[in-house]
Amino acid sequence: MDVLGMVYNELITDPYIKEKASGRIKFYDFPETSSVTMAPNIIIDPLDVPLPKDFADDTWLTYDCLYQIEVWSKNRTNTRELSEQIGKVMWNFGFHQGTGPDEWDEETGIYRDARRYRGKLYRDDLDTL
């Protein structure tokens, strides 16, 4: 199961997120600070590998996942609004928001809102076990 790909696909199909950050949604790939403009960048960062959880009859049923999704831009309002929309998308996908830093770098003028999301997804092969 490609959970990272699933998270990415959930984000790029949301109309608001697509409008604000199309082409600038990446995973593992942090932008050079000099390349960040008013247009936001979204970075999906897996903080742990999906872990087997929830067992029945000695079989694990779910993946427990932890991701950090960051929004970088030079506009504080855009950064916050986009982060809030990501939170809604992740909630509908079954992930709950945890903690994460909300920062402003005076030297570069970049606002960074990084929120952590934990969720469980059922295995996609349960019917073949």
N, C-alpha and C. Protein backbone atom coordinates (compact mmCIF):
# COMPACT_ATOMS: atom_id res chain seq x y z
N MET A 1 0.84 -1.18 0.00
CA MET A 1 0.00 0.00 0.00
C MET A 1 0.89 1.24 0.00
N ASP A 2 0.69 2.10 -0.95
CA ASP A 2 1.46 3.34 -1.08
C ASP A 2 0.73 4.48 -0.37
N VAL A 3 0.90 4.56 0.94
CA VAL A 3 0.18 5.56 1.73
C VAL A 3 0.62 6.96 1.35
N LEU A 4 1.91 7.16 1.15
CA LEU A 4 2.42 8.48 0.76
C LEU A 4 1.76 8.95 -0.54
N GLY A 5 1.66 8.06 -1.50
CA GLY A 5 0.99 8.39 -2.76
C GLY A 5 -0.48 8.70 -2.55
N MET A 6 -1.11 8.00 -1.63
CA MET A 6 -2.52 8.24 -1.34
C MET A 6 -2.71 9.63 -0.71
N VAL A 7 -1.83 10.01 0.21
CA VAL A 7 -1.90 11.33 0.83
C VAL A 7 -1.70 12.40 -0.24
N TYR A 8 -0.70 12.22 -1.08
CA TYR A 8 -0.43 13.17 -2.17
C TYR A 8 -1.66 13.32 -3.07
N ASN A 9 -2.26 12.20 -3.46
CA ASN A 9 -3.43 12.25 -4.34
C ASN A 9 -4.61 12.95 -3.69
N GLU A 10 -4.79 12.76 -2.39
CA GLU A 10 -5.87 13.46 -1.68
C GLU A 10 -5.65 14.97 -1.74
N LEU A 11 -4.42 15.40 -1.58
CA LEU A 11 -4.13 16.84 -1.60
C LEU A 11 -4.29 17.44 -2.99
N ILE A 12 -3.77 16.77 -4.01
CA ILE A 12 -3.82 17.38 -5.35
C ILE A 12 -5.21 17.37 -5.97
N THR A 13 -6.12 16.58 -5.42
CA THR A 13 -7.47 16.57 -5.98
C THR A 13 -8.40 17.58 -5.30
N ASP A 14 -7.96 18.19 -4.21
CA ASP A 14 -8.77 19.22 -3.57
C ASP A 14 -8.70 20.50 -4.41
N PRO A 15 -9.85 21.06 -4.82
CA PRO A 15 -9.84 22.23 -5.70
C PRO A 15 -9.09 23.44 -5.12
N TYR A 16 -9.27 23.73 -3.84
CA TYR A 16 -8.61 24.89 -3.23
C TYR A 16 -7.10 24.70 -3.21
N ILE A 17 -6.66 23.53 -2.78
CA ILE A 17 -5.23 23.25 -2.72
C ILE A 17 -4.63 23.26 -4.12
N LYS A 18 -5.33 22.68 -5.07
CA LYS A 18 -4.86 22.65 -6.45
C LYS A 18 -4.70 24.07 -7.00
N GLU A 19 -5.67 24.93 -6.71
CA GLU A 19 -5.62 26.32 -7.19
C GLU A 19 -4.42 27.06 -6.60
N LYS A 20 -4.16 26.86 -5.32
CA LYS A 20 -3.12 27.63 -4.63
C LYS A 20 -1.71 27.07 -4.79
N ALA A 21 -1.57 25.75 -5.01
CA ALA A 21 -0.23 25.17 -4.97
C ALA A 21 0.04 24.15 -6.07
N SER A 22 -0.73 24.16 -7.14
CA SER A 22 -0.52 23.19 -8.21
C SER A 22 0.92 23.23 -8.72
N GLY A 23 1.53 22.06 -8.80
CA GLY A 23 2.91 21.97 -9.26
C GLY A 23 3.94 22.20 -8.17
N ARG A 24 3.48 22.58 -6.98
CA ARG A 24 4.41 22.85 -5.88
C ARG A 24 4.08 21.99 -4.67
N ILE A 25 3.52 20.81 -4.91
CA ILE A 25 3.25 19.85 -3.84
C ILE A 25 4.24 18.71 -4.01
N LYS A 26 5.12 18.54 -3.05
CA LYS A 26 6.21 17.57 -3.17
C LYS A 26 6.25 16.69 -1.93
N PHE A 27 6.97 15.58 -2.03
CA PHE A 27 7.30 14.83 -0.84
C PHE A 27 8.79 14.61 -0.81
N TYR A 28 9.36 14.69 0.38
CA TYR A 28 10.79 14.59 0.67
C TYR A 28 11.60 15.77 0.13
N ASP A 29 11.05 16.59 -0.73
CA ASP A 29 11.79 17.60 -1.46
C ASP A 29 11.48 18.99 -0.91
N PHE A 30 12.39 19.51 -0.07
CA PHE A 30 12.21 20.83 0.50
C PHE A 30 12.76 21.87 -0.47
N PRO A 31 12.02 22.96 -0.69
CA PRO A 31 12.47 23.97 -1.65
C PRO A 31 13.65 24.76 -1.11
N GLU A 32 14.46 25.27 -2.04
CA GLU A 32 15.51 26.22 -1.65
C GLU A 32 14.80 27.47 -1.15
N THR A 33 15.25 28.03 -0.05
CA THR A 33 14.56 29.20 0.50
C THR A 33 14.53 30.36 -0.50
N SER A 34 15.54 30.47 -1.34
CA SER A 34 15.57 31.55 -2.32
C SER A 34 14.49 31.39 -3.40
N SER A 35 13.96 30.17 -3.56
CA SER A 35 12.96 29.93 -4.60
C SER A 35 11.53 30.12 -4.10
N VAL A 36 11.35 30.30 -2.78
CA VAL A 36 10.01 30.46 -2.22
C VAL A 36 9.54 31.89 -2.46
N THR A 37 8.35 31.99 -3.05
CA THR A 37 7.76 33.28 -3.36
C THR A 37 6.44 33.39 -2.60
N MET A 38 5.58 34.29 -3.05
CA MET A 38 4.24 34.40 -2.45
C MET A 38 3.45 33.13 -2.69
N ALA A 39 3.72 32.43 -3.79
CA ALA A 39 3.03 31.18 -4.09
C ALA A 39 3.52 30.11 -3.12
N PRO A 40 2.59 29.41 -2.47
CA PRO A 40 2.98 28.45 -1.43
C PRO A 40 3.56 27.16 -2.00
N ASN A 41 4.40 26.56 -1.19
CA ASN A 41 4.95 25.23 -1.45
C ASN A 41 4.43 24.30 -0.35
N ILE A 42 4.07 23.07 -0.73
CA ILE A 42 3.61 22.08 0.24
C ILE A 42 4.58 20.92 0.20
N ILE A 43 5.03 20.51 1.39
CA ILE A 43 5.97 19.40 1.50
C ILE A 43 5.35 18.34 2.40
N ILE A 44 5.24 17.12 1.87
CA ILE A 44 4.73 15.98 2.64
C ILE A 44 5.95 15.22 3.13
N ASP A 45 6.07 15.07 4.43
CA ASP A 45 7.24 14.44 5.02
C ASP A 45 6.81 13.28 5.92
N PRO A 46 7.04 12.03 5.49
CA PRO A 46 6.72 10.90 6.37
C PRO A 46 7.65 10.92 7.58
N LEU A 47 7.08 10.88 8.77
CA LEU A 47 7.89 10.88 9.98
C LEU A 47 8.19 9.49 10.48
N ASP A 48 7.48 8.51 9.98
CA ASP A 48 7.69 7.12 10.36
C ASP A 48 7.14 6.25 9.23
N VAL A 49 7.61 5.04 9.15
CA VAL A 49 7.05 4.10 8.18
C VAL A 49 5.67 3.67 8.68
N PRO A 50 4.74 3.33 7.78
CA PRO A 50 3.45 2.80 8.24
C PRO A 50 3.66 1.54 9.07
N LEU A 51 3.09 1.52 10.28
CA LEU A 51 3.29 0.41 11.20
C LEU A 51 2.06 -0.48 11.27
N PRO A 52 2.24 -1.80 11.28
CA PRO A 52 1.10 -2.70 11.45
C PRO A 52 0.46 -2.50 12.83
N LYS A 53 -0.86 -2.39 12.84
CA LYS A 53 -1.61 -2.20 14.09
C LYS A 53 -2.92 -2.97 14.00
N ASP A 54 -3.62 -3.00 15.11
CA ASP A 54 -4.96 -3.61 15.20
C ASP A 54 -4.96 -5.04 14.66
N PHE A 55 -4.81 -5.97 15.56
CA PHE A 55 -4.67 -7.38 15.21
C PHE A 55 -5.96 -8.15 15.48
N ALA A 56 -6.22 -9.16 14.65
CA ALA A 56 -7.32 -10.10 14.86
C ALA A 56 -6.85 -11.45 14.32
N ASP A 57 -7.01 -12.49 15.10
CA ASP A 57 -6.58 -13.84 14.69
C ASP A 57 -5.14 -13.86 14.17
N ASP A 58 -4.26 -13.18 14.91
CA ASP A 58 -2.83 -13.11 14.57
C ASP A 58 -2.56 -12.48 13.20
N THR A 59 -3.44 -11.63 12.75
CA THR A 59 -3.26 -10.90 11.49
C THR A 59 -3.41 -9.41 11.77
N TRP A 60 -2.46 -8.62 11.25
CA TRP A 60 -2.60 -7.17 11.43
C TRP A 60 -3.56 -6.62 10.39
N LEU A 61 -4.37 -5.66 10.82
CA LEU A 61 -5.46 -5.15 9.99
C LEU A 61 -5.24 -3.76 9.42
N THR A 62 -4.48 -2.93 10.14
CA THR A 62 -4.33 -1.54 9.71
C THR A 62 -2.87 -1.12 9.67
N TYR A 63 -2.64 -0.02 8.95
CA TYR A 63 -1.37 0.69 8.97
C TYR A 63 -1.57 1.94 9.83
N ASP A 64 -0.71 2.16 10.79
CA ASP A 64 -0.71 3.39 11.57
C ASP A 64 0.33 4.31 10.95
N CYS A 65 -0.09 5.49 10.53
CA CYS A 65 0.79 6.37 9.75
C CYS A 65 0.96 7.72 10.42
N LEU A 66 2.13 8.31 10.26
CA LEU A 66 2.44 9.62 10.82
C LEU A 66 3.14 10.46 9.75
N TYR A 67 2.52 11.58 9.39
CA TYR A 67 3.06 12.47 8.37
C TYR A 67 3.11 13.89 8.90
N GLN A 68 4.08 14.64 8.41
CA GLN A 68 4.11 16.08 8.65
C GLN A 68 3.92 16.74 7.29
N ILE A 69 2.98 17.67 7.23
CA ILE A 69 2.74 18.39 5.99
C ILE A 69 3.01 19.86 6.26
N GLU A 70 3.95 20.41 5.51
CA GLU A 70 4.40 21.78 5.71
C GLU A 70 3.93 22.67 4.57
N VAL A 71 3.59 23.89 4.90
CA VAL A 71 3.29 24.92 3.91
C VAL A 71 4.29 26.03 4.10
N TRP A 72 4.98 26.40 3.02
CA TRP A 72 5.95 27.48 3.04
C TRP A 72 5.49 28.55 2.06
N SER A 73 5.49 29.80 2.48
CA SER A 73 5.28 30.92 1.55
C SER A 73 5.71 32.20 2.24
N LYS A 74 5.65 33.28 1.50
CA LYS A 74 6.01 34.58 2.06
C LYS A 74 4.76 35.39 2.43
N ASN A 75 3.62 34.71 2.47
CA ASN A 75 2.38 35.37 2.86
C ASN A 75 1.77 34.59 4.02
N ARG A 76 1.71 35.21 5.19
CA ARG A 76 1.24 34.54 6.40
C ARG A 76 -0.20 34.05 6.27
N THR A 77 -1.07 34.86 5.72
CA THR A 77 -2.48 34.48 5.59
C THR A 77 -2.64 33.30 4.65
N ASN A 78 -1.97 33.34 3.50
CA ASN A 78 -2.05 32.21 2.56
C ASN A 78 -1.52 30.93 3.18
N THR A 79 -0.44 31.04 3.93
CA THR A 79 0.15 29.87 4.58
C THR A 79 -0.85 29.26 5.56
N ARG A 80 -1.46 30.08 6.39
CA ARG A 80 -2.42 29.59 7.39
C ARG A 80 -3.66 28.99 6.74
N GLU A 81 -4.23 29.70 5.76
CA GLU A 81 -5.46 29.21 5.11
C GLU A 81 -5.23 27.89 4.39
N LEU A 82 -4.11 27.77 3.72
CA LEU A 82 -3.80 26.52 3.02
C LEU A 82 -3.57 25.39 4.02
N SER A 83 -2.92 25.67 5.12
CA SER A 83 -2.71 24.66 6.16
C SER A 83 -4.03 24.19 6.75
N GLU A 84 -4.96 25.12 6.94
CA GLU A 84 -6.27 24.75 7.45
C GLU A 84 -7.03 23.86 6.47
N GLN A 85 -6.93 24.16 5.18
CA GLN A 85 -7.59 23.33 4.18
C GLN A 85 -6.96 21.93 4.12
N ILE A 86 -5.66 21.86 4.24
CA ILE A 86 -4.99 20.56 4.29
C ILE A 86 -5.51 19.77 5.48
N GLY A 87 -5.69 20.44 6.62
CA GLY A 87 -6.24 19.77 7.80
C GLY A 87 -7.62 19.18 7.54
N LYS A 88 -8.46 19.89 6.81
CA LYS A 88 -9.80 19.38 6.47
C LYS A 88 -9.71 18.16 5.56
N VAL A 89 -8.83 18.23 4.57
CA VAL A 89 -8.66 17.11 3.65
C VAL A 89 -8.15 15.89 4.40
N MET A 90 -7.17 16.09 5.26
CA MET A 90 -6.62 14.97 6.01
C MET A 90 -7.65 14.39 6.98
N TRP A 91 -8.49 15.22 7.58
CA TRP A 91 -9.55 14.74 8.47
C TRP A 91 -10.51 13.84 7.69
N ASN A 92 -10.92 14.28 6.51
CA ASN A 92 -11.83 13.48 5.69
C ASN A 92 -11.18 12.19 5.20
N PHE A 93 -9.87 12.16 5.17
CA PHE A 93 -9.11 10.98 4.76
C PHE A 93 -8.88 10.03 5.94
N GLY A 94 -9.25 10.48 7.15
CA GLY A 94 -9.13 9.63 8.33
C GLY A 94 -7.93 9.93 9.20
N PHE A 95 -7.31 11.07 9.01
CA PHE A 95 -6.14 11.45 9.79
C PHE A 95 -6.50 12.57 10.75
N HIS A 96 -5.91 12.54 11.95
CA HIS A 96 -6.16 13.55 12.97
C HIS A 96 -4.92 14.39 13.14
N GLN A 97 -5.13 15.69 13.31
CA GLN A 97 -4.02 16.62 13.42
C GLN A 97 -3.41 16.59 14.80
N GLY A 98 -2.08 16.63 14.82
CA GLY A 98 -1.34 16.75 16.07
C GLY A 98 -0.61 18.07 16.11
N THR A 99 0.53 18.08 16.76
CA THR A 99 1.30 19.30 16.93
C THR A 99 2.23 19.54 15.75
N GLY A 100 2.85 20.69 15.75
CA GLY A 100 3.84 21.03 14.73
C GLY A 100 4.19 22.50 14.83
N PRO A 101 5.35 22.88 14.34
CA PRO A 101 5.79 24.28 14.46
C PRO A 101 5.09 25.21 13.48
N ASP A 102 4.91 26.44 13.92
CA ASP A 102 4.42 27.54 13.10
C ASP A 102 5.48 28.62 13.25
N GLU A 103 6.22 28.86 12.16
CA GLU A 103 7.41 29.71 12.27
C GLU A 103 7.45 30.79 11.20
N TRP A 104 8.21 31.84 11.49
CA TRP A 104 8.53 32.86 10.50
C TRP A 104 10.02 33.10 10.57
N ASP A 105 10.66 33.05 9.43
CA ASP A 105 12.10 33.28 9.34
C ASP A 105 12.31 34.73 8.90
N GLU A 106 12.78 35.55 9.81
CA GLU A 106 12.96 36.97 9.53
C GLU A 106 13.94 37.21 8.38
N GLU A 107 14.98 36.40 8.33
CA GLU A 107 16.02 36.57 7.31
C GLU A 107 15.49 36.34 5.90
N THR A 108 14.66 35.29 5.72
CA THR A 108 14.15 34.95 4.38
C THR A 108 12.74 35.47 4.14
N GLY A 109 12.02 35.80 5.22
CA GLY A 109 10.63 36.24 5.09
C GLY A 109 9.66 35.11 4.82
N ILE A 110 10.06 33.88 5.12
CA ILE A 110 9.23 32.71 4.84
C ILE A 110 8.45 32.30 6.09
N TYR A 111 7.15 32.11 5.87
CA TYR A 111 6.28 31.56 6.90
C TYR A 111 6.21 30.05 6.67
N ARG A 112 6.31 29.31 7.75
CA ARG A 112 6.30 27.85 7.68
C ARG A 112 5.31 27.32 8.71
N ASP A 113 4.29 26.65 8.21
CA ASP A 113 3.30 26.01 9.08
C ASP A 113 3.43 24.52 8.85
N ALA A 114 3.88 23.80 9.86
CA ALA A 114 4.11 22.35 9.74
C ALA A 114 3.20 21.64 10.73
N ARG A 115 2.27 20.86 10.21
CA ARG A 115 1.33 20.14 11.07
C ARG A 115 1.50 18.65 10.88
N ARG A 116 1.37 17.93 11.99
CA ARG A 116 1.52 16.47 11.96
C ARG A 116 0.16 15.81 11.96
N TYR A 117 0.07 14.74 11.19
CA TYR A 117 -1.19 14.01 11.04
C TYR A 117 -0.95 12.52 11.28
N ARG A 118 -1.79 11.93 12.13
CA ARG A 118 -1.72 10.50 12.40
C ARG A 118 -3.04 9.89 11.98
N GLY A 119 -2.94 8.74 11.33
CA GLY A 119 -4.16 8.06 10.92
C GLY A 119 -3.92 6.58 10.71
N LYS A 120 -5.02 5.84 10.66
CA LYS A 120 -4.96 4.40 10.41
C LYS A 120 -5.72 4.11 9.12
N LEU A 121 -5.10 3.30 8.31
CA LEU A 121 -5.73 2.86 7.06
C LEU A 121 -5.80 1.35 7.06
N TYR A 122 -6.93 0.81 6.66
CA TYR A 122 -7.06 -0.64 6.57
C TYR A 122 -6.25 -1.16 5.40
N ARG A 123 -5.69 -2.33 5.59
CA ARG A 123 -4.95 -2.99 4.52
C ARG A 123 -5.85 -3.16 3.32
N ASP A 124 -5.29 -3.09 2.14
CA ASP A 124 -6.09 -3.25 0.92
C ASP A 124 -6.11 -4.71 0.42
N ASP A 125 -5.50 -5.62 1.18
CA ASP A 125 -5.46 -7.01 0.76
C ASP A 125 -6.19 -7.94 1.75
N LEU A 126 -7.02 -7.39 2.62
CA LEU A 126 -7.68 -8.22 3.63
C LEU A 126 -8.58 -9.29 3.02
N ASP A 127 -9.18 -9.02 1.88
CA ASP A 127 -10.09 -9.99 1.28
C ASP A 127 -9.37 -11.16 0.62
N THR A 128 -8.05 -11.09 0.50
CA THR A 128 -7.29 -12.19 -0.10
C THR A 128 -6.49 -13.00 0.91
N LEU A 129 -6.60 -12.66 2.19
CA LEU A 129 -5.83 -13.38 3.21
C LEU A 129 -6.41 -14.76 3.49
